[in-house]
Amino acid sequence: MKLSDLSIVAGLFAVLSVAPAASLQAQEVAPHAFVVAIESVHDVETFTKEYGPKVPATLQPYGGRFLVRGGKLTNLEGDAPGRFVIIEFDSLQNAQKWYQSPEYQKLIPIRQKASKSTLFIAEGMSK
């Protein structure tokens, strides 16, 4: 092999060995997204029977998982809500796809009938 051929091979090797690492770094940088729900439930029976048990199945296709789902709140400042939920997704797009999915859209009127809610998506910090 000529010196110029070795240079080309070395250059290709360098590109191929760096490309996967760069690709992995790009994937790791994408921040997670969190759906946050602040709720005041006024129809506990409807909420716990018709809404609550059906939500987990809607999360699964989009990689959503509960980090906080109800539970005890310890008030530090201001007024703690009646109910607080945080759902983690690996991306903003998956959080939005979940919320807009036909499966979850069917549940929204039930939640709205049984509670007063504020929902929003918070984008996490880049890693």
C-alpha atoms as a PDB file:
ATOM      1  CA  MET A   1       0.000   0.000   0.000  1.00  0.00           C
ATOM      2  CA  LYS A   2       1.088   3.506  -0.725  1.00  0.00           C
ATOM      3  CA  LEU A   3       1.295   6.167   1.958  1.00  0.00           C
ATOM      4  CA  SER A   4      -1.751   7.944   0.489  1.00  0.00           C
ATOM      5  CA  ASP A   5      -3.778   4.697   0.703  1.00  0.00           C
ATOM      6  CA  LEU A   6      -2.781   4.306   4.362  1.00  0.00           C
ATOM      7  CA  SER A   7      -3.885   7.873   5.028  1.00  0.00           C
ATOM      8  CA  ILE A   8      -7.301   7.184   3.516  1.00  0.00           C
ATOM      9  CA  VAL A   9      -7.713   3.960   5.541  1.00  0.00           C
ATOM     10  CA  ALA A  10      -6.626   5.725   8.735  1.00  0.00           C
ATOM     11  CA  GLY A  11      -9.061   8.573   8.033  1.00  0.00           C
ATOM     12  CA  LEU A  12     -11.966   6.179   7.446  1.00  0.00           C
ATOM     13  CA  PHE A  13     -11.103   4.284  10.623  1.00  0.00           C
ATOM     14  CA  ALA A  14     -11.089   7.525  12.603  1.00  0.00           C
ATOM     15  CA  VAL A  15     -14.472   8.577  11.194  1.00  0.00           C
ATOM     16  CA  LEU A  16     -16.055   5.172  11.785  1.00  0.00           C
ATOM     17  CA  SER A  17     -14.774   4.923  15.345  1.00  0.00           C
ATOM     18  CA  VAL A  18     -15.939   8.446  16.259  1.00  0.00           C
ATOM     19  CA  ALA A  19     -19.354   8.348  14.532  1.00  0.00           C
ATOM     20  CA  PRO A  20     -20.969   5.815  16.897  1.00  0.00           C
ATOM     21  CA  ALA A  21     -19.686   7.714  19.930  1.00  0.00           C
ATOM     22  CA  ALA A  22     -21.054  10.988  18.555  1.00  0.00           C
ATOM     23  CA  SER A  23     -24.373   9.297  17.850  1.00  0.00           C
ATOM     24  CA  LEU A  24     -24.562   7.967  21.416  1.00  0.00           C
ATOM     25  CA  GLN A  25     -23.721  11.387  22.830  1.00  0.00           C
ATOM     26  CA  ALA A  26     -26.518  12.971  20.790  1.00  0.00           C
ATOM     27  CA  GLN A  27     -28.981  10.442  22.182  1.00  0.00           C
ATOM     28  CA  GLU A  28     -27.831  11.001  25.763  1.00  0.00           C
ATOM     29  CA  VAL A  29     -28.156  14.790  25.511  1.00  0.00           C
ATOM     30  CA  ALA A  30     -31.898  14.779  24.744  1.00  0.00           C
ATOM     31  CA  PRO A  31     -33.721  15.823  27.915  1.00  0.00           C
ATOM     32  CA  HIS A  32     -36.525  13.798  29.400  1.00  0.00           C
ATOM     33  CA  ALA A  33     -39.969  15.358  29.681  1.00  0.00           C
ATOM     34  CA  PHE A  34     -42.337  15.266  32.632  1.00  0.00           C
ATOM     35  CA  VAL A  35     -46.100  15.542  32.547  1.00  0.00           C
ATOM     36  CA  VAL A  36     -47.160  17.264  35.750  1.00  0.00           C
ATOM     37  CA  ALA A  37     -50.749  17.139  36.979  1.00  0.00           C
ATOM     38  CA  ILE A  38     -52.111  19.200  39.847  1.00  0.00           C
ATOM     39  CA  GLU A  39     -55.564  17.909  40.706  1.00  0.00           C
ATOM     40  CA  SER A  40     -58.453  18.539  43.024  1.00  0.00           C
ATOM     41  CA  VAL A  41     -60.699  15.464  42.903  1.00  0.00           C
ATOM     42  CA  HIS A  42     -64.382  16.132  43.688  1.00  0.00           C
ATOM     43  CA  ASP A  43     -65.843  12.799  42.462  1.00  0.00           C
ATOM     44  CA  VAL A  44     -63.564  10.203  44.064  1.00  0.00           C
ATOM     45  CA  GLU A  45     -65.590   7.200  42.907  1.00  0.00           C
ATOM     46  CA  THR A  46     -65.499   8.158  39.215  1.00  0.00           C
ATOM     47  CA  PHE A  47     -61.838   9.153  39.439  1.00  0.00           C
ATOM     48  CA  THR A  48     -60.708   5.941  41.166  1.00  0.00           C
ATOM     49  CA  LYS A  49     -62.877   3.513  39.191  1.00  0.00           C
ATOM     50  CA  GLU A  50     -63.231   4.971  35.701  1.00  0.00           C
ATOM     51  CA  TYR A  51     -60.074   7.030  35.229  1.00  0.00           C
ATOM     52  CA  GLY A  52     -57.175   6.021  37.489  1.00  0.00           C
ATOM     53  CA  PRO A  53     -56.979   2.302  36.681  1.00  0.00           C
ATOM     54  CA  LYS A  54     -57.045   2.945  32.910  1.00  0.00           C
ATOM     55  CA  VAL A  55     -54.190   5.470  32.691  1.00  0.00           C
ATOM     56  CA  PRO A  56     -51.176   3.101  33.073  1.00  0.00           C
ATOM     57  CA  ALA A  57     -52.078   1.137  29.923  1.00  0.00           C
ATOM     58  CA  THR A  58     -52.095   4.393  27.918  1.00  0.00           C
ATOM     59  CA  LEU A  59     -48.557   5.255  29.072  1.00  0.00           C
ATOM     60  CA  GLN A  60     -46.888   1.991  28.115  1.00  0.00           C
ATOM     61  CA  PRO A  61     -46.713   2.483  24.311  1.00  0.00           C
ATOM     62  CA  TYR A  62     -44.986   5.847  24.824  1.00  0.00           C
ATOM     63  CA  GLY A  63     -42.534   4.768  27.522  1.00  0.00           C
ATOM     64  CA  GLY A  64     -44.225   6.812  30.241  1.00  0.00           C
ATOM     65  CA  ARG A  65     -43.795   5.895  33.885  1.00  0.00           C
ATOM     66  CA  PHE A  66     -45.136   7.365  37.080  1.00  0.00           C
ATOM     67  CA  LEU A  67     -42.591   9.046  39.336  1.00  0.00           C
ATOM     68  CA  VAL A  68     -45.242  10.488  41.656  1.00  0.00           C
ATOM     69  CA  ARG A  69     -48.852   9.351  41.684  1.00  0.00           C
ATOM     70  CA  GLY A  70     -50.864  10.825  44.492  1.00  0.00           C
ATOM     71  CA  GLY A  71     -49.206   9.979  47.765  1.00  0.00           C
ATOM     72  CA  LYS A  72     -48.530  12.150  50.756  1.00  0.00           C
ATOM     73  CA  LEU A  73     -47.469  15.742  50.138  1.00  0.00           C
ATOM     74  CA  THR A  74     -45.470  17.630  52.749  1.00  0.00           C
ATOM     75  CA  ASN A  75     -46.251  21.325  52.497  1.00  0.00           C
ATOM     76  CA  LEU A  76     -43.230  23.637  52.649  1.00  0.00           C
ATOM     77  CA  GLU A  77     -44.573  26.931  51.282  1.00  0.00           C
ATOM     78  CA  GLY A  78     -47.938  27.994  49.928  1.00  0.00           C
ATOM     79  CA  ASP A  79     -50.780  25.501  49.573  1.00  0.00           C
ATOM     80  CA  ALA A  80     -50.164  21.901  48.585  1.00  0.00           C
ATOM     81  CA  PRO A  81     -52.584  20.559  45.974  1.00  0.00           C
ATOM     82  CA  GLY A  82     -55.063  17.815  46.777  1.00  0.00           C
ATOM     83  CA  ARG A  83     -53.325  15.436  44.369  1.00  0.00           C
ATOM     84  CA  PHE A  84     -50.033  15.671  42.497  1.00  0.00           C
ATOM     85  CA  VAL A  85     -48.737  13.469  39.654  1.00  0.00           C
ATOM     86  CA  ILE A  86     -45.451  13.383  37.721  1.00  0.00           C
ATOM     87  CA  ILE A  87     -45.063  11.105  34.697  1.00  0.00           C
ATOM     88  CA  GLU A  88     -41.649  10.748  33.043  1.00  0.00           C
ATOM     89  CA  PHE A  89     -41.121  10.265  29.308  1.00  0.00           C
ATOM     90  CA  ASP A  90     -37.821   9.907  27.467  1.00  0.00           C
ATOM     91  CA  SER A  91     -38.669  12.867  25.215  1.00  0.00           C
ATOM     92  CA  LEU A  92     -41.001  15.806  24.790  1.00  0.00           C
ATOM     93  CA  GLN A  93     -42.337  14.172  21.623  1.00  0.00           C
ATOM     94  CA  ASN A  94     -43.351  10.983  23.458  1.00  0.00           C
ATOM     95  CA  ALA A  95     -45.084  12.993  26.182  1.00  0.00           C
ATOM     96  CA  GLN A  96     -47.050  14.897  23.557  1.00  0.00           C
ATOM     97  CA  LYS A  97     -47.860  11.717  21.607  1.00  0.00           C
ATOM     98  CA  TRP A  98     -49.199  10.112  24.794  1.00  0.00           C
ATOM     99  CA  TYR A  99     -51.424  13.080  25.623  1.00  0.00           C
ATOM    100  CA  GLN A 100     -52.732  13.240  22.054  1.00  0.00           C
ATOM    101  CA  SER A 101     -53.204   9.474  21.731  1.00  0.00           C
ATOM    102  CA  PRO A 102     -56.751   8.215  21.110  1.00  0.00           C
ATOM    103  CA  GLU A 103     -56.465   5.999  24.197  1.00  0.00           C
ATOM    104  CA  TYR A 104     -55.731   8.895  26.559  1.00  0.00           C
ATOM    105  CA  GLN A 105     -58.077  11.316  24.777  1.00  0.00           C
ATOM    106  CA  LYS A 106     -60.949   8.964  25.706  1.00  0.00           C
ATOM    107  CA  LEU A 107     -60.034   9.332  29.391  1.00  0.00           C
ATOM    108  CA  ILE A 108     -59.752  13.129  29.503  1.00  0.00           C
ATOM    109  CA  PRO A 109     -63.522  13.792  29.772  1.00  0.00           C
ATOM    110  CA  ILE A 110     -63.697  11.334  32.689  1.00  0.00           C
ATOM    111  CA  ARG A 111     -60.838  13.118  34.490  1.00  0.00           C
ATOM    112  CA  GLN A 112     -62.418  16.497  33.795  1.00  0.00           C
ATOM    113  CA  LYS A 113     -65.785  15.306  35.098  1.00  0.00           C
ATOM    114  CA  ALA A 114     -64.255  13.968  38.327  1.00  0.00           C
ATOM    115  CA  SER A 115     -61.640  16.623  39.063  1.00  0.00           C
ATOM    116  CA  LYS A 116     -60.338  20.100  38.430  1.00  0.00           C
ATOM    117  CA  SER A 117     -56.895  19.657  36.903  1.00  0.00           C
ATOM    118  CA  THR A 118     -53.930  21.572  35.629  1.00  0.00           C
ATOM    119  CA  LEU A 119     -51.628  19.576  33.332  1.00  0.00           C
ATOM    120  CA  PHE A 120     -48.411  20.676  31.692  1.00  0.00           C
ATOM    121  CA  ILE A 121     -45.207  19.238  30.286  1.00  0.00           C
ATOM    122  CA  ALA A 122     -41.911  20.278  31.854  1.00  0.00           C
ATOM    123  CA  GLU A 123     -38.789  19.570  29.825  1.00  0.00           C
ATOM    124  CA  GLY A 124     -35.938  18.241  31.961  1.00  0.00           C
ATOM    125  CA  MET A 125     -32.349  19.411  31.902  1.00  0.00           C
ATOM    126  CA  SER A 126     -29.973  18.077  29.265  1.00  0.00           C
ATOM    127  CA  LYS A 127     -27.665  15.374  30.532  1.00  0.00           C
END
